[in-house]
Amino acid sequence: MRLLGALPIFSAAFAAIYAVAMYFNIALFVYYPAVKELHWTDEPNLPGPAMYWYGWISYAILGAAIISAAALFLPPRWKERIFPRSAWAVPLLSMLFVLYVIRDWFIH
């Protein structure tokens, strides 16, 4: 599988990992804009709100890169089972899941 063949896998893995990271609040790091600091864990004693989004994105990029790199070494017969045209399904379902999870932001 060439590098371009791994891009649909990266996209699908990124969307799924991001949705899981957001739902379970698994952030690689936490950013505190009030004090302009990054921390590996949540620090409730710091002023201002914490931003987890950067940590979710980083977590999803790292996970998707590992999965798509591993997919480069798949046997050719497995490559035929991964359809680039149907790679849109996982990101679409992930987006719908994220919208379902944050529905309270729009309803109230």
N, C-alpha and C. Protein backbone atom coordinates (compact mmCIF):
# COMPACT_ATOMS: atom_id res chain seq x y z
N MET A 1 0.85 -1.17 0.00
CA MET A 1 0.00 0.00 0.00
C MET A 1 0.89 1.23 0.00
N ARG A 2 0.63 2.11 -0.90
CA ARG A 2 1.39 3.36 -0.96
C ARG A 2 0.88 4.34 0.07
N LEU A 3 1.63 5.42 0.23
CA LEU A 3 1.28 6.43 1.23
C LEU A 3 -0.10 7.02 0.96
N LEU A 4 -0.41 7.30 -0.30
CA LEU A 4 -1.73 7.86 -0.62
C LEU A 4 -2.86 6.88 -0.31
N GLY A 5 -2.55 5.58 -0.36
CA GLY A 5 -3.55 4.58 -0.02
C GLY A 5 -3.87 4.55 1.46
N ALA A 6 -2.95 5.06 2.28
CA ALA A 6 -3.17 5.08 3.73
C ALA A 6 -3.96 6.30 4.18
N LEU A 7 -4.14 7.28 3.32
CA LEU A 7 -4.85 8.50 3.72
C LEU A 7 -6.32 8.26 4.08
N PRO A 8 -7.05 7.43 3.34
CA PRO A 8 -8.42 7.17 3.79
C PRO A 8 -8.46 6.48 5.16
N ILE A 9 -7.48 5.63 5.42
CA ILE A 9 -7.40 4.97 6.72
C ILE A 9 -7.09 6.00 7.80
N PHE A 10 -6.17 6.92 7.50
CA PHE A 10 -5.85 7.99 8.46
C PHE A 10 -7.09 8.81 8.77
N SER A 11 -7.83 9.19 7.74
CA SER A 11 -9.02 10.01 7.94
C SER A 11 -10.06 9.30 8.80
N ALA A 12 -10.30 8.05 8.50
CA ALA A 12 -11.30 7.30 9.26
C ALA A 12 -10.84 7.10 10.70
N ALA A 13 -9.57 6.76 10.88
CA ALA A 13 -9.05 6.55 12.24
C ALA A 13 -9.05 7.85 13.03
N PHE A 14 -8.68 8.95 12.38
CA PHE A 14 -8.66 10.25 13.06
C PHE A 14 -10.04 10.60 13.59
N ALA A 15 -11.05 10.47 12.73
CA ALA A 15 -12.41 10.83 13.14
C ALA A 15 -12.90 9.96 14.29
N ALA A 16 -12.65 8.67 14.21
CA ALA A 16 -13.11 7.77 15.27
C ALA A 16 -12.37 8.02 16.58
N ILE A 17 -11.06 8.20 16.51
CA ILE A 17 -10.28 8.44 17.73
C ILE A 17 -10.65 9.77 18.35
N TYR A 18 -10.88 10.79 17.52
CA TYR A 18 -11.27 12.10 18.04
C TYR A 18 -12.61 11.99 18.78
N ALA A 19 -13.56 11.28 18.21
CA ALA A 19 -14.87 11.15 18.85
C ALA A 19 -14.75 10.45 20.20
N VAL A 20 -13.94 9.40 20.25
CA VAL A 20 -13.74 8.68 21.51
C VAL A 20 -13.01 9.56 22.52
N ALA A 21 -11.97 10.26 22.07
CA ALA A 21 -11.21 11.14 22.97
C ALA A 21 -12.09 12.25 23.53
N MET A 22 -12.95 12.81 22.70
CA MET A 22 -13.83 13.87 23.17
C MET A 22 -14.86 13.32 24.15
N TYR A 23 -15.43 12.16 23.85
CA TYR A 23 -16.47 11.60 24.71
C TYR A 23 -15.92 11.24 26.09
N PHE A 24 -14.76 10.62 26.12
CA PHE A 24 -14.16 10.19 27.39
C PHE A 24 -13.19 11.23 27.97
N ASN A 25 -13.04 12.36 27.29
CA ASN A 25 -12.14 13.45 27.70
C ASN A 25 -10.72 12.93 27.93
N ILE A 26 -10.21 12.23 26.92
CA ILE A 26 -8.84 11.72 26.94
C ILE A 26 -8.00 12.70 26.13
N ALA A 27 -7.33 13.59 26.81
CA ALA A 27 -6.50 14.60 26.13
C ALA A 27 -5.03 14.28 26.34
N LEU A 28 -4.26 14.45 25.30
CA LEU A 28 -2.82 14.24 25.40
C LEU A 28 -2.19 15.27 26.32
N PHE A 29 -2.74 16.46 26.30
CA PHE A 29 -2.32 17.54 27.19
C PHE A 29 -3.47 18.52 27.34
N VAL A 30 -3.36 19.41 28.30
CA VAL A 30 -4.40 20.40 28.58
C VAL A 30 -3.75 21.78 28.49
N TYR A 31 -4.43 22.70 27.80
CA TYR A 31 -3.92 24.06 27.66
C TYR A 31 -4.76 25.00 28.52
N TYR A 32 -4.06 25.88 29.25
CA TYR A 32 -4.72 26.89 30.08
C TYR A 32 -4.41 28.26 29.49
N PRO A 33 -5.34 28.85 28.74
CA PRO A 33 -5.06 30.12 28.07
C PRO A 33 -4.87 31.30 29.02
N ALA A 34 -5.45 31.26 30.20
CA ALA A 34 -5.32 32.39 31.13
C ALA A 34 -3.87 32.56 31.59
N VAL A 35 -3.17 31.45 31.75
CA VAL A 35 -1.77 31.51 32.18
C VAL A 35 -0.81 31.09 31.07
N LYS A 36 -1.37 30.74 29.89
CA LYS A 36 -0.60 30.34 28.71
C LYS A 36 0.36 29.19 29.03
N GLU A 37 -0.20 28.11 29.60
CA GLU A 37 0.60 26.95 29.99
C GLU A 37 -0.03 25.66 29.46
N LEU A 38 0.84 24.71 29.12
CA LEU A 38 0.43 23.36 28.76
C LEU A 38 0.76 22.44 29.92
N HIS A 39 -0.15 21.51 30.20
CA HIS A 39 0.09 20.52 31.26
C HIS A 39 -0.33 19.15 30.75
N TRP A 40 0.36 18.12 31.22
CA TRP A 40 0.03 16.76 30.83
C TRP A 40 -1.26 16.28 31.48
N THR A 41 -1.59 16.83 32.63
CA THR A 41 -2.81 16.44 33.33
C THR A 41 -3.62 17.69 33.66
N ASP A 42 -4.84 17.47 34.07
CA ASP A 42 -5.70 18.58 34.45
C ASP A 42 -5.21 19.19 35.76
N GLU A 43 -5.14 20.50 35.80
CA GLU A 43 -4.68 21.23 37.00
C GLU A 43 -5.82 22.15 37.46
N PRO A 44 -6.69 21.67 38.33
CA PRO A 44 -7.86 22.46 38.72
C PRO A 44 -7.53 23.73 39.51
N ASN A 45 -6.32 23.84 40.04
CA ASN A 45 -5.98 25.04 40.81
C ASN A 45 -5.54 26.22 39.94
N LEU A 46 -5.41 26.02 38.63
CA LEU A 46 -5.03 27.14 37.75
C LEU A 46 -6.26 27.97 37.40
N PRO A 47 -6.07 29.29 37.21
CA PRO A 47 -7.22 30.15 36.91
C PRO A 47 -7.72 29.94 35.47
N GLY A 48 -8.98 30.22 35.29
CA GLY A 48 -9.58 30.17 33.96
C GLY A 48 -9.94 28.75 33.53
N PRO A 49 -10.66 28.67 32.42
CA PRO A 49 -11.07 27.35 31.93
C PRO A 49 -9.92 26.63 31.24
N ALA A 50 -9.99 25.32 31.25
CA ALA A 50 -9.00 24.49 30.56
C ALA A 50 -9.50 24.21 29.15
N MET A 51 -8.58 24.12 28.21
CA MET A 51 -8.92 23.79 26.83
C MET A 51 -8.39 22.40 26.52
N TYR A 52 -9.30 21.47 26.29
CA TYR A 52 -8.93 20.09 26.02
C TYR A 52 -8.83 19.82 24.52
N TRP A 53 -9.37 20.69 23.71
CA TRP A 53 -9.48 20.47 22.27
C TRP A 53 -8.12 20.20 21.64
N TYR A 54 -7.10 20.95 22.00
CA TYR A 54 -5.77 20.73 21.42
C TYR A 54 -5.26 19.33 21.78
N GLY A 55 -5.52 18.89 22.97
CA GLY A 55 -5.11 17.55 23.39
C GLY A 55 -5.87 16.46 22.66
N TRP A 56 -7.17 16.69 22.40
CA TRP A 56 -7.96 15.71 21.65
C TRP A 56 -7.44 15.58 20.22
N ILE A 57 -7.16 16.74 19.61
CA ILE A 57 -6.65 16.74 18.23
C ILE A 57 -5.30 16.03 18.17
N SER A 58 -4.41 16.33 19.10
CA SER A 58 -3.08 15.71 19.11
C SER A 58 -3.19 14.21 19.33
N TYR A 59 -4.06 13.80 20.22
CA TYR A 59 -4.28 12.39 20.49
C TYR A 59 -4.79 11.68 19.24
N ALA A 60 -5.73 12.31 18.53
CA ALA A 60 -6.29 11.71 17.32
C ALA A 60 -5.25 11.66 16.20
N ILE A 61 -4.44 12.69 16.06
CA ILE A 61 -3.40 12.68 15.02
C ILE A 61 -2.39 11.57 15.29
N LEU A 62 -1.95 11.46 16.52
CA LEU A 62 -0.97 10.43 16.88
C LEU A 62 -1.54 9.03 16.67
N GLY A 63 -2.74 8.80 17.13
CA GLY A 63 -3.37 7.49 16.96
C GLY A 63 -3.62 7.14 15.50
N ALA A 64 -4.11 8.10 14.73
CA ALA A 64 -4.38 7.85 13.31
C ALA A 64 -3.09 7.64 12.53
N ALA A 65 -2.02 8.33 12.91
CA ALA A 65 -0.73 8.13 12.24
C ALA A 65 -0.20 6.73 12.50
N ILE A 66 -0.35 6.25 13.72
CA ILE A 66 0.10 4.89 14.05
C ILE A 66 -0.71 3.85 13.28
N ILE A 67 -2.02 4.03 13.24
CA ILE A 67 -2.88 3.08 12.55
C ILE A 67 -2.62 3.09 11.05
N SER A 68 -2.48 4.28 10.44
CA SER A 68 -2.24 4.33 9.00
C SER A 68 -0.84 3.85 8.65
N ALA A 69 0.14 4.06 9.53
CA ALA A 69 1.49 3.52 9.29
C ALA A 69 1.46 2.00 9.35
N ALA A 70 0.70 1.45 10.28
CA ALA A 70 0.57 0.00 10.36
C ALA A 70 -0.15 -0.54 9.12
N ALA A 71 -1.08 0.22 8.58
CA ALA A 71 -1.82 -0.21 7.39
C ALA A 71 -0.92 -0.28 6.16
N LEU A 72 0.17 0.46 6.17
CA LEU A 72 1.11 0.39 5.03
C LEU A 72 1.71 -1.01 4.88
N PHE A 73 1.74 -1.75 5.97
CA PHE A 73 2.35 -3.08 5.95
C PHE A 73 1.34 -4.21 5.83
N LEU A 74 0.09 -3.86 5.55
CA LEU A 74 -0.93 -4.89 5.36
C LEU A 74 -0.65 -5.68 4.09
N PRO A 75 -1.01 -6.96 4.08
CA PRO A 75 -0.87 -7.74 2.86
C PRO A 75 -1.77 -7.18 1.75
N PRO A 76 -1.35 -7.35 0.50
CA PRO A 76 -2.15 -6.79 -0.62
C PRO A 76 -3.60 -7.28 -0.65
N ARG A 77 -3.85 -8.52 -0.23
CA ARG A 77 -5.23 -9.02 -0.27
C ARG A 77 -6.12 -8.30 0.74
N TRP A 78 -5.54 -7.81 1.84
CA TRP A 78 -6.31 -7.04 2.81
C TRP A 78 -6.59 -5.64 2.27
N LYS A 79 -5.67 -5.16 1.46
CA LYS A 79 -5.84 -3.83 0.88
C LYS A 79 -7.10 -3.77 0.02
N GLU A 80 -7.42 -4.85 -0.62
CA GLU A 80 -8.61 -4.89 -1.47
C GLU A 80 -9.89 -4.78 -0.66
N ARG A 81 -9.84 -5.14 0.61
CA ARG A 81 -11.03 -5.06 1.47
C ARG A 81 -11.29 -3.65 1.97
N ILE A 82 -10.30 -2.80 1.92
CA ILE A 82 -10.46 -1.42 2.38
C ILE A 82 -10.81 -0.57 1.16
N PHE A 83 -12.03 -0.09 1.13
CA PHE A 83 -12.52 0.65 -0.02
C PHE A 83 -12.40 2.15 0.22
N PRO A 84 -11.56 2.84 -0.55
CA PRO A 84 -11.43 4.30 -0.36
C PRO A 84 -12.74 5.05 -0.56
N ARG A 85 -13.61 4.53 -1.43
CA ARG A 85 -14.88 5.22 -1.66
C ARG A 85 -15.82 5.12 -0.48
N SER A 86 -15.65 4.11 0.34
CA SER A 86 -16.52 3.97 1.50
C SER A 86 -15.86 4.49 2.78
N ALA A 87 -14.70 5.11 2.64
CA ALA A 87 -13.99 5.64 3.81
C ALA A 87 -14.73 6.82 4.43
N TRP A 88 -15.70 7.36 3.74
CA TRP A 88 -16.47 8.49 4.27
C TRP A 88 -17.41 8.06 5.39
N ALA A 89 -17.72 6.76 5.48
CA ALA A 89 -18.72 6.30 6.44
C ALA A 89 -18.27 6.51 7.89
N VAL A 90 -17.03 6.17 8.20
CA VAL A 90 -16.56 6.31 9.59
C VAL A 90 -16.52 7.78 10.02
N PRO A 91 -15.94 8.70 9.22
CA PRO A 91 -15.99 10.11 9.63
C PRO A 91 -17.42 10.65 9.76
N LEU A 92 -18.31 10.24 8.87
CA LEU A 92 -19.69 10.69 8.95
C LEU A 92 -20.36 10.20 10.24
N LEU A 93 -20.17 8.93 10.56
CA LEU A 93 -20.75 8.40 11.80
C LEU A 93 -20.10 9.05 13.02
N SER A 94 -18.82 9.33 12.94
CA SER A 94 -18.14 10.00 14.06
C SER A 94 -18.68 11.41 14.26
N MET A 95 -18.92 12.13 13.17
CA MET A 95 -19.48 13.48 13.27
C MET A 95 -20.88 13.44 13.86
N LEU A 96 -21.69 12.50 13.43
CA LEU A 96 -23.03 12.37 13.98
C LEU A 96 -22.98 12.04 15.46
N PHE A 97 -22.04 11.19 15.86
CA PHE A 97 -21.87 10.86 17.27
C PHE A 97 -21.48 12.10 18.08
N VAL A 98 -20.53 12.88 17.57
CA VAL A 98 -20.10 14.10 18.27
C VAL A 98 -21.26 15.08 18.38
N LEU A 99 -22.03 15.24 17.32
CA LEU A 99 -23.20 16.12 17.38
C LEU A 99 -24.23 15.62 18.39
N TYR A 100 -24.39 14.31 18.48
CA TYR A 100 -25.30 13.75 19.47
C TYR A 100 -24.81 14.04 20.89
N VAL A 101 -23.51 13.90 21.10
CA VAL A 101 -22.94 14.12 22.43
C VAL A 101 -23.08 15.58 22.85
N ILE A 102 -22.90 16.52 21.94
CA ILE A 102 -22.94 17.94 22.30
C ILE A 102 -24.31 18.56 22.00
N ARG A 103 -25.33 17.74 21.85
CA ARG A 103 -26.66 18.26 21.49
C ARG A 103 -27.20 19.25 22.51
N ASP A 104 -26.81 19.12 23.78
CA ASP A 104 -27.31 20.04 24.81
C ASP A 104 -26.84 21.47 24.57
N TRP A 105 -25.72 21.65 23.89
CA TRP A 105 -25.24 23.00 23.59
C TRP A 105 -26.20 23.73 22.66
N PHE A 106 -26.92 22.97 21.83
CA PHE A 106 -27.79 23.58 20.83
C PHE A 106 -29.25 23.59 21.25
N ILE A 107 -29.64 22.72 22.14
CA ILE A 107 -31.05 22.59 22.52
C ILE A 107 -31.45 23.66 23.53
N HIS A 108 -30.62 23.96 24.49
CA HIS A 108 -30.99 24.89 25.58
C HIS A 108 -30.87 26.30 25.12
